[in-house]
Amino acid sequence: YGQKYDKDYIINNLLSYIAPETFLPIMYRVFE
């Protein structure tokens, strides 16, 4: 159900939860 949210919203929430670890999403895509 990731199509309901913007990419920045999902990535920023994940980064905030796993801080101080960071990551760069590779080939972010929305399918269906």
PDB file of all heavy atoms in Angstrom:
ATOM      1  N   TYR A   1       0.832  -1.219   0.000  1.00  0.00           N
ATOM      2  CA  TYR A   1       0.000   0.000   0.000  1.00  0.00           C
ATOM      3  C   TYR A   1       0.866   1.269   0.000  1.00  0.00           C
ATOM      4  O   TYR A   1       0.453   2.321   0.472  1.00  0.00           O
ATOM      5  CB  TYR A   1      -0.937   0.017   1.208  1.00  0.00           C
ATOM      6  CG  TYR A   1      -1.727  -1.237   1.377  1.00  0.00           C
ATOM      7  CD1 TYR A   1      -1.383  -2.179   2.345  1.00  0.00           C
ATOM      8  CD2 TYR A   1      -2.799  -1.529   0.545  1.00  0.00           C
ATOM      9  CE1 TYR A   1      -2.091  -3.366   2.487  1.00  0.00           C
ATOM     10  CE2 TYR A   1      -3.524  -2.710   0.679  1.00  0.00           C
ATOM     11  CZ  TYR A   1      -3.162  -3.616   1.656  1.00  0.00           C
ATOM     12  OH  TYR A   1      -3.866  -4.781   1.785  1.00  0.00           O
ATOM     13  N   GLY A   2       2.079   1.130  -0.534  1.00  0.00           N
ATOM     14  CA  GLY A   2       2.979   2.276  -0.589  1.00  0.00           C
ATOM     15  C   GLY A   2       2.569   3.328  -1.590  1.00  0.00           C
ATOM     16  O   GLY A   2       3.115   4.441  -1.588  1.00  0.00           O
ATOM     17  N   GLN A   3       1.606   3.002  -2.465  1.00  0.00           N
ATOM     18  CA  GLN A   3       1.168   3.989  -3.442  1.00  0.00           C
ATOM     19  C   GLN A   3       0.399   5.135  -2.784  1.00  0.00           C
ATOM     20  O   GLN A   3       0.202   6.186  -3.400  1.00  0.00           O
ATOM     21  CB  GLN A   3       0.308   3.319  -4.522  1.00  0.00           C
ATOM     22  CG  GLN A   3      -1.176   3.168  -4.212  1.00  0.00           C
ATOM     23  CD  GLN A   3      -1.472   2.104  -3.181  1.00  0.00           C
ATOM     24  OE1 GLN A   3      -0.555   1.417  -2.751  1.00  0.00           O
ATOM     25  NE2 GLN A   3      -2.718   1.951  -2.791  1.00  0.00           N
ATOM     26  N   LYS A   4      -0.013   4.954  -1.532  1.00  0.00           N
ATOM     27  CA  LYS A   4      -0.783   5.989  -0.849  1.00  0.00           C
ATOM     28  C   LYS A   4       0.098   7.121  -0.327  1.00  0.00           C
ATOM     29  O   LYS A   4      -0.423   8.167   0.053  1.00  0.00           O
ATOM     30  CB  LYS A   4      -1.561   5.383   0.321  1.00  0.00           C
ATOM     31  CG  LYS A   4      -2.574   4.319  -0.085  1.00  0.00           C
ATOM     32  CD  LYS A   4      -3.293   3.765   1.132  1.00  0.00           C
ATOM     33  CE  LYS A   4      -4.306   2.708   0.740  1.00  0.00           C
ATOM     34  NZ  LYS A   4      -5.003   2.152   1.946  1.00  0.00           N
ATOM     35  N   TYR A   5       1.407   6.906  -0.296  1.00  0.00           N
ATOM     36  CA  TYR A   5       2.303   7.874   0.323  1.00  0.00           C
ATOM     37  C   TYR A   5       3.368   8.306  -0.680  1.00  0.00           C
ATOM     38  O   TYR A   5       3.707   7.573  -1.612  1.00  0.00           O
ATOM     39  CB  TYR A   5       2.978   7.270   1.557  1.00  0.00           C
ATOM     40  CG  TYR A   5       2.025   6.556   2.485  1.00  0.00           C
ATOM     41  CD1 TYR A   5       1.936   5.158   2.465  1.00  0.00           C
ATOM     42  CD2 TYR A   5       1.206   7.254   3.357  1.00  0.00           C
ATOM     43  CE1 TYR A   5       1.063   4.487   3.302  1.00  0.00           C
ATOM     44  CE2 TYR A   5       0.327   6.590   4.202  1.00  0.00           C
ATOM     45  CZ  TYR A   5       0.258   5.209   4.165  1.00  0.00           C
ATOM     46  OH  TYR A   5      -0.612   4.543   4.998  1.00  0.00           O
ATOM     47  N   ASP A   6       3.913   9.484  -0.448  1.00  0.00           N
ATOM     48  CA  ASP A   6       5.000   9.979  -1.277  1.00  0.00           C
ATOM     49  C   ASP A   6       6.298   9.260  -0.928  1.00  0.00           C
ATOM     50  O   ASP A   6       6.455   8.722   0.180  1.00  0.00           O
ATOM     51  CB  ASP A   6       5.187  11.484  -1.080  1.00  0.00           C
ATOM     52  CG  ASP A   6       3.983  12.275  -1.584  1.00  0.00           C
ATOM     53  OD1 ASP A   6       3.280  11.755  -2.471  1.00  0.00           O
ATOM     54  OD2 ASP A   6       3.750  13.391  -1.070  1.00  0.00           O
ATOM     55  N   LYS A   7       7.209   9.259  -1.880  1.00  0.00           N
ATOM     56  CA  LYS A   7       8.502   8.614  -1.663  1.00  0.00           C
ATOM     57  C   LYS A   7       9.245   9.248  -0.488  1.00  0.00           C
ATOM     58  O   LYS A   7       9.771   8.537   0.381  1.00  0.00           O
ATOM     59  CB  LYS A   7       9.343   8.721  -2.938  1.00  0.00           C
ATOM     60  CG  LYS A   7      10.785   8.239  -2.765  1.00  0.00           C
ATOM     61  CD  LYS A   7      11.600   8.466  -4.018  1.00  0.00           C
ATOM     62  CE  LYS A   7      13.052   8.104  -3.795  1.00  0.00           C
ATOM     63  NZ  LYS A   7      13.887   8.347  -5.003  1.00  0.00           N
ATOM     64  N   ASP A   8       9.283  10.569  -0.432  1.00  0.00           N
ATOM     65  CA  ASP A   8      10.005  11.247   0.646  1.00  0.00           C
ATOM     66  C   ASP A   8       9.393  10.926   2.004  1.00  0.00           C
ATOM     67  O   ASP A   8      10.112  10.805   3.008  1.00  0.00           O
ATOM     68  CB  ASP A   8      10.016  12.762   0.414  1.00  0.00           C
ATOM     69  CG  ASP A   8      10.807  13.150  -0.818  1.00  0.00           C
ATOM     70  OD1 ASP A   8      11.665  12.344  -1.244  1.00  0.00           O
ATOM     71  OD2 ASP A   8      10.571  14.242  -1.368  1.00  0.00           O
ATOM     72  N   TYR A   9       8.076  10.794   2.053  1.00  0.00           N
ATOM     73  CA  TYR A   9       7.418  10.498   3.325  1.00  0.00           C
ATOM     74  C   TYR A   9       7.833   9.121   3.839  1.00  0.00           C
ATOM     75  O   TYR A   9       8.150   8.947   5.028  1.00  0.00           O
ATOM     76  CB  TYR A   9       5.903  10.557   3.143  1.00  0.00           C
ATOM     77  CG  TYR A   9       5.119  10.173   4.378  1.00  0.00           C
ATOM     78  CD1 TYR A   9       4.941  11.078   5.427  1.00  0.00           C
ATOM     79  CD2 TYR A   9       4.577   8.899   4.501  1.00  0.00           C
ATOM     80  CE1 TYR A   9       4.235  10.717   6.560  1.00  0.00           C
ATOM     81  CE2 TYR A   9       3.865   8.526   5.628  1.00  0.00           C
ATOM     82  CZ  TYR A   9       3.691   9.443   6.651  1.00  0.00           C
ATOM     83  OH  TYR A   9       3.000   9.077   7.776  1.00  0.00           O
ATOM     84  N   ILE A  10       7.869   8.118   2.957  1.00  0.00           N
ATOM     85  CA  ILE A  10       8.240   6.765   3.371  1.00  0.00           C
ATOM     86  C   ILE A  10       9.714   6.694   3.753  1.00  0.00           C
ATOM     87  O   ILE A  10      10.089   6.159   4.813  1.00  0.00           O
ATOM     88  CB  ILE A  10       7.919   5.764   2.252  1.00  0.00           C
ATOM     89  CG1 ILE A  10       6.405   5.671   2.051  1.00  0.00           C
ATOM     90  CG2 ILE A  10       8.502   4.392   2.559  1.00  0.00           C
ATOM     91  CD1 ILE A  10       5.993   4.735   0.929  1.00  0.00           C
ATOM     92  N   ILE A  11      10.579   7.239   2.906  1.00  0.00           N
ATOM     93  CA  ILE A  11      12.020   7.151   3.161  1.00  0.00           C
ATOM     94  C   ILE A  11      12.394   7.914   4.426  1.00  0.00           C
ATOM     95  O   ILE A  11      13.194   7.437   5.247  1.00  0.00           O
ATOM     96  CB  ILE A  11      12.806   7.659   1.949  1.00  0.00           C
ATOM     97  CG1 ILE A  11      12.477   6.808   0.702  1.00  0.00           C
ATOM     98  CG2 ILE A  11      14.292   7.619   2.230  1.00  0.00           C
ATOM     99  CD1 ILE A  11      12.757   5.341   0.861  1.00  0.00           C
ATOM    100  N   ASN A  12      11.831   9.097   4.621  1.00  0.00           N
ATOM    101  CA  ASN A  12      12.177   9.888   5.814  1.00  0.00           C
ATOM    102  C   ASN A  12      11.719   9.191   7.091  1.00  0.00           C
ATOM    103  O   ASN A  12      12.421   9.247   8.119  1.00  0.00           O
ATOM    104  CB  ASN A  12      11.558  11.281   5.707  1.00  0.00           C
ATOM    105  CG  ASN A  12      12.207  12.118   4.631  1.00  0.00           C
ATOM    106  OD1 ASN A  12      13.365  11.888   4.262  1.00  0.00           O
ATOM    107  ND2 ASN A  12      11.481  13.097   4.103  1.00  0.00           N
ATOM    108  N   ASN A  13      10.562   8.542   7.062  1.00  0.00           N
ATOM    109  CA  ASN A  13      10.107   7.816   8.245  1.00  0.00           C
ATOM    110  C   ASN A  13      11.004   6.621   8.544  1.00  0.00           C
ATOM    111  O   ASN A  13      11.306   6.334   9.717  1.00  0.00           O
ATOM    112  CB  ASN A  13       8.659   7.354   8.050  1.00  0.00           C
ATOM    113  CG  ASN A  13       7.653   8.420   8.424  1.00  0.00           C
ATOM    114  OD1 ASN A  13       7.306   8.606   9.587  1.00  0.00           O
ATOM    115  ND2 ASN A  13       7.177   9.146   7.415  1.00  0.00           N
ATOM    116  N   LEU A  14      11.434   5.922   7.508  1.00  0.00           N
ATOM    117  CA  LEU A  14      12.331   4.791   7.720  1.00  0.00           C
ATOM    118  C   LEU A  14      13.694   5.251   8.231  1.00  0.00           C
ATOM    119  O   LEU A  14      14.285   4.618   9.119  1.00  0.00           O
ATOM    120  CB  LEU A  14      12.490   4.003   6.420  1.00  0.00           C
ATOM    121  CG  LEU A  14      11.239   3.286   5.896  1.00  0.00           C
ATOM    122  CD1 LEU A  14      11.527   2.637   4.548  1.00  0.00           C
ATOM    123  CD2 LEU A  14      10.748   2.237   6.884  1.00  0.00           C
ATOM    124  N   LEU A  15      14.200   6.344   7.691  1.00  0.00           N
ATOM    125  CA  LEU A  15      15.488   6.860   8.150  1.00  0.00           C
ATOM    126  C   LEU A  15      15.413   7.317   9.601  1.00  0.00           C
ATOM    127  O   LEU A  15      16.356   7.118  10.383  1.00  0.00           O
ATOM    128  CB  LEU A  15      15.936   8.017   7.256  1.00  0.00           C
ATOM    129  CG  LEU A  15      16.420   7.646   5.852  1.00  0.00           C
ATOM    130  CD1 LEU A  15      16.652   8.893   5.014  1.00  0.00           C
ATOM    131  CD2 LEU A  15      17.701   6.814   5.926  1.00  0.00           C
ATOM    132  N   SER A  16      14.288   7.913   9.981  1.00  0.00           N
ATOM    133  CA  SER A  16      14.139   8.375  11.366  1.00  0.00           C
ATOM    134  C   SER A  16      14.082   7.197  12.333  1.00  0.00           C
ATOM    135  O   SER A  16      14.601   7.282  13.451  1.00  0.00           O
ATOM    136  CB  SER A  16      12.869   9.226  11.497  1.00  0.00           C
ATOM    137  OG  SER A  16      12.945  10.375  10.666  1.00  0.00           O
ATOM    138  N   TYR A  17      13.490   6.100  11.905  1.00  0.00           N
ATOM    139  CA  TYR A  17      13.339   4.961  12.801  1.00  0.00           C
ATOM    140  C   TYR A  17      14.658   4.214  13.000  1.00  0.00           C
ATOM    141  O   TYR A  17      14.949   3.740  14.106  1.00  0.00           O
ATOM    142  CB  TYR A  17      12.277   4.005  12.257  1.00  0.00           C
ATOM    143  CG  TYR A  17      11.928   2.903  13.227  1.00  0.00           C
ATOM    144  CD1 TYR A  17      10.985   3.113  14.231  1.00  0.00           C
ATOM    145  CD2 TYR A  17      12.550   1.662  13.148  1.00  0.00           C
ATOM    146  CE1 TYR A  17      10.669   2.104  15.133  1.00  0.00           C
ATOM    147  CE2 TYR A  17      12.237   0.652  14.042  1.00  0.00           C
ATOM    148  CZ  TYR A  17      11.293   0.875  15.034  1.00  0.00           C
ATOM    149  OH  TYR A  17      10.991  -0.122  15.926  1.00  0.00           O
ATOM    150  N   ILE A  18      15.462   4.083  11.937  1.00  0.00           N
ATOM    151  CA  ILE A  18      16.703   3.312  12.047  1.00  0.00           C
ATOM    152  C   ILE A  18      17.908   4.185  12.359  1.00  0.00           C
ATOM    153  O   ILE A  18      19.047   3.693  12.350  1.00  0.00           O
ATOM    154  CB  ILE A  18      16.964   2.517  10.756  1.00  0.00           C
ATOM    155  CG1 ILE A  18      17.298   3.470   9.601  1.00  0.00           C
ATOM    156  CG2 ILE A  18      15.794   1.626  10.409  1.00  0.00           C
ATOM    157  CD1 ILE A  18      17.748   2.745   8.343  1.00  0.00           C
ATOM    158  N   ALA A  19      17.695   5.480  12.629  1.00  0.00           N
ATOM    159  CA  ALA A  19      18.816   6.381  12.938  1.00  0.00           C
ATOM    160  C   ALA A  19      19.635   5.806  14.096  1.00  0.00           C
ATOM    161  O   ALA A  19      19.077   5.188  15.012  1.00  0.00           O
ATOM    162  CB  ALA A  19      18.272   7.759  13.282  1.00  0.00           C
ATOM    163  N   PRO A  20      20.956   5.941  14.064  1.00  0.00           N
ATOM    164  CA  PRO A  20      21.769   6.762  13.162  1.00  0.00           C
ATOM    165  C   PRO A  20      22.157   6.085  11.851  1.00  0.00           C
ATOM    166  O   PRO A  20      22.965   6.642  11.101  1.00  0.00           O
ATOM    167  CB  PRO A  20      23.013   7.039  14.005  1.00  0.00           C
ATOM    168  CG  PRO A  20      23.158   5.810  14.838  1.00  0.00           C
ATOM    169  CD  PRO A  20      21.771   5.349  15.148  1.00  0.00           C
ATOM    170  N   GLU A  21      21.646   4.882  11.586  1.00  0.00           N
ATOM    171  CA  GLU A  21      21.943   4.226  10.310  1.00  0.00           C
ATOM    172  C   GLU A  21      21.273   4.979   9.167  1.00  0.00           C
ATOM    173  O   GLU A  21      20.184   5.544   9.322  1.00  0.00           O
ATOM    174  CB  GLU A  21      21.447   2.773  10.330  1.00  0.00           C
ATOM    175  CG  GLU A  21      22.046   1.917  11.436  1.00  0.00           C
ATOM    176  CD  GLU A  21      23.518   1.668  11.231  1.00  0.00           C
ATOM    177  OE1 GLU A  21      23.995   1.832  10.078  1.00  0.00           O
ATOM    178  OE2 GLU A  21      24.195   1.311  12.203  1.00  0.00           O
ATOM    179  N   THR A  22      21.938   4.984   8.029  1.00  0.00           N
ATOM    180  CA  THR A  22      21.400   5.664   6.844  1.00  0.00           C
ATOM    181  C   THR A  22      21.481   4.709   5.649  1.00  0.00           C
ATOM    182  O   THR A  22      22.253   3.745   5.649  1.00  0.00           O
ATOM    183  CB  THR A  22      22.177   6.947   6.530  1.00  0.00           C
ATOM    184  OG1 THR A  22      23.557   6.617   6.287  1.00  0.00           O
ATOM    185  CG2 THR A  22      22.070   7.931   7.693  1.00  0.00           C
ATOM    186  N   PHE A  23      20.694   4.996   4.651  1.00  0.00           N
ATOM    187  CA  PHE A  23      20.714   4.207   3.427  1.00  0.00           C
ATOM    188  C   PHE A  23      20.218   5.064   2.277  1.00  0.00           C
ATOM    189  O   PHE A  23      19.577   6.105   2.471  1.00  0.00           O
ATOM    190  CB  PHE A  23      19.839   2.953   3.568  1.00  0.00           C
ATOM    191  CG  PHE A  23      18.363   3.239   3.620  1.00  0.00           C
ATOM    192  CD1 PHE A  23      17.586   3.229   2.471  1.00  0.00           C
ATOM    193  CD2 PHE A  23      17.745   3.542   4.830  1.00  0.00           C
ATOM    194  CE1 PHE A  23      16.227   3.498   2.516  1.00  0.00           C
ATOM    195  CE2 PHE A  23      16.382   3.803   4.892  1.00  0.00           C
ATOM    196  CZ  PHE A  23      15.629   3.782   3.734  1.00  0.00           C
ATOM    197  N   LEU A  24      20.542   4.604   1.085  1.00  0.00           N
ATOM    198  CA  LEU A  24      20.083   5.255  -0.135  1.00  0.00           C
ATOM    199  C   LEU A  24      19.222   4.268  -0.904  1.00  0.00           C
ATOM    200  O   LEU A  24      19.695   3.198  -1.299  1.00  0.00           O
ATOM    201  CB  LEU A  24      21.270   5.686  -0.996  1.00  0.00           C
ATOM    202  CG  LEU A  24      20.919   6.342  -2.336  1.00  0.00           C
ATOM    203  CD1 LEU A  24      20.289   7.708  -2.096  1.00  0.00           C
ATOM    204  CD2 LEU A  24      22.157   6.484  -3.216  1.00  0.00           C
ATOM    205  N   PRO A  25      17.942   4.571  -1.104  1.00  0.00           N
ATOM    206  CA  PRO A  25      17.083   3.645  -1.852  1.00  0.00           C
ATOM    207  C   PRO A  25      17.486   3.592  -3.326  1.00  0.00           C
ATOM    208  O   PRO A  25      17.616   4.630  -3.985  1.00  0.00           O
ATOM    209  CB  PRO A  25      15.677   4.228  -1.669  1.00  0.00           C
ATOM    210  CG  PRO A  25      15.906   5.686  -1.402  1.00  0.00           C
ATOM    211  CD  PRO A  25      17.208   5.782  -0.660  1.00  0.00           C
ATOM    212  N   ILE A  26      17.676   2.397  -3.822  1.00  0.00           N
ATOM    213  CA  ILE A  26      18.085   2.204  -5.209  1.00  0.00           C
ATOM    214  C   ILE A  26      16.867   1.804  -6.022  1.00  0.00           C
ATOM    215  O   ILE A  26      16.162   0.848  -5.686  1.00  0.00           O
ATOM    216  CB  ILE A  26      19.181   1.129  -5.299  1.00  0.00           C
ATOM    217  CG1 ILE A  26      20.400   1.549  -4.480  1.00  0.00           C
ATOM    218  CG2 ILE A  26      19.579   0.885  -6.754  1.00  0.00           C
ATOM    219  CD1 ILE A  26      21.486   0.496  -4.419  1.00  0.00           C
ATOM    220  N   MET A  27      16.619   2.538  -7.083  1.00  0.00           N
ATOM    221  CA  MET A  27      15.522   2.273  -8.015  1.00  0.00           C
ATOM    222  C   MET A  27      14.181   2.197  -7.286  1.00  0.00           C
ATOM    223  O   MET A  27      13.527   1.145  -7.264  1.00  0.00           O
ATOM    224  CB  MET A  27      15.779   0.996  -8.819  1.00  0.00           C
ATOM    225  CG  MET A  27      16.875   1.125  -9.852  1.00  0.00           C
ATOM    226  SD  MET A  27      16.966  -0.289 -10.978  1.00  0.00           S
ATOM    227  CE  MET A  27      15.430  -0.109 -11.874  1.00  0.00           C
ATOM    228  N   TYR A  28      13.776   3.279  -6.692  1.00  0.00           N
ATOM    229  CA  TYR A  28      12.473   3.347  -6.018  1.00  0.00           C
ATOM    230  C   TYR A  28      11.379   3.332  -7.084  1.00  0.00           C
ATOM    231  O   TYR A  28      11.345   4.165  -7.986  1.00  0.00           O
ATOM    232  CB  TYR A  28      12.384   4.607  -5.173  1.00  0.00           C
ATOM    233  CG  TYR A  28      11.162   4.679  -4.286  1.00  0.00           C
ATOM    234  CD1 TYR A  28      11.228   4.274  -2.964  1.00  0.00           C
ATOM    235  CD2 TYR A  28       9.947   5.149  -4.773  1.00  0.00           C
ATOM    236  CE1 TYR A  28      10.116   4.344  -2.137  1.00  0.00           C
ATOM    237  CE2 TYR A  28       8.821   5.216  -3.963  1.00  0.00           C
ATOM    238  CZ  TYR A  28       8.918   4.804  -2.648  1.00  0.00           C
ATOM    239  OH  TYR A  28       7.805   4.875  -1.841  1.00  0.00           O
ATOM    240  N   ARG A  29      10.484   2.366  -6.966  1.00  0.00           N
ATOM    241  CA  ARG A  29       9.409   2.216  -7.942  1.00  0.00           C
ATOM    242  C   ARG A  29       8.100   1.930  -7.221  1.00  0.00           C
ATOM    243  O   ARG A  29       8.081   1.346  -6.139  1.00  0.00           O
ATOM    244  CB  ARG A  29       9.705   1.068  -8.921  1.00  0.00           C
ATOM    245  CG  ARG A  29      10.876   1.322  -9.845  1.00  0.00           C
ATOM    246  CD  ARG A  29      10.521   2.320 -10.933  1.00  0.00           C
ATOM    247  NE  ARG A  29      11.583   2.471 -11.903  1.00  0.00           N
ATOM    248  CZ  ARG A  29      12.597   3.301 -11.779  1.00  0.00           C
ATOM    249  NH1 ARG A  29      12.697   4.050 -10.683  1.00  0.00           N
ATOM    250  NH2 ARG A  29      13.518   3.408 -12.718  1.00  0.00           N
ATOM    251  N   VAL A  30       6.997   2.328  -7.838  1.00  0.00           N
ATOM    252  CA  VAL A  30       5.656   2.019  -7.348  1.00  0.00           C
ATOM    253  C   VAL A  30       4.981   1.173  -8.415  1.00  0.00           C
ATOM    254  O   VAL A  30       4.788   1.615  -9.549  1.00  0.00           O
ATOM    255  CB  VAL A  30       4.838   3.289  -7.067  1.00  0.00           C
ATOM    256  CG1 VAL A  30       3.413   2.925  -6.659  1.00  0.00           C
ATOM    257  CG2 VAL A  30       5.502   4.115  -5.972  1.00  0.00           C
ATOM    258  N   PHE A  31       4.633  -0.045  -8.038  1.00  0.00           N
ATOM    259  CA  PHE A  31       3.976  -0.978  -8.959  1.00  0.00           C
ATOM    260  C   PHE A  31       2.645  -1.376  -8.351  1.00  0.00           C
ATOM    261  O   PHE A  31       2.594  -1.991  -7.280  1.00  0.00           O
ATOM    262  CB  PHE A  31       4.856  -2.210  -9.201  1.00  0.00           C
ATOM    263  CG  PHE A  31       4.261  -3.203 -10.146  1.00  0.00           C
ATOM    264  CD1 PHE A  31       4.222  -2.940 -11.505  1.00  0.00           C
ATOM    265  CD2 PHE A  31       3.733  -4.390  -9.678  1.00  0.00           C
ATOM    266  CE1 PHE A  31       3.674  -3.855 -12.388  1.00  0.00           C
ATOM    267  CE2 PHE A  31       3.178  -5.318 -10.549  1.00  0.00           C
ATOM    268  CZ  PHE A  31       3.152  -5.041 -11.907  1.00  0.00           C
ATOM    269  N   GLU A  32       1.568  -1.003  -9.044  1.00  0.00           N
ATOM    270  CA  GLU A  32       0.197  -1.223  -8.562  1.00  0.00           C
ATOM    271  C   GLU A  32       0.039  -0.566  -7.192  1.00  0.00           C
ATOM    272  O   GLU A  32       0.162   0.651  -7.083  1.00  0.00           O
ATOM    273  CB  GLU A  32      -0.116  -2.722  -8.536  1.00  0.00           C
ATOM    274  CG  GLU A  32      -0.178  -3.330  -9.931  1.00  0.00           C
ATOM    275  CD  GLU A  32      -0.537  -4.800  -9.917  1.00  0.00           C
ATOM    276  OE1 GLU A  32      -0.617  -5.362  -8.808  1.00  0.00           O
ATOM    277  OE2 GLU A  32      -0.751  -5.370 -10.999  1.00  0.00           O
TER     278      GLU A  32
END
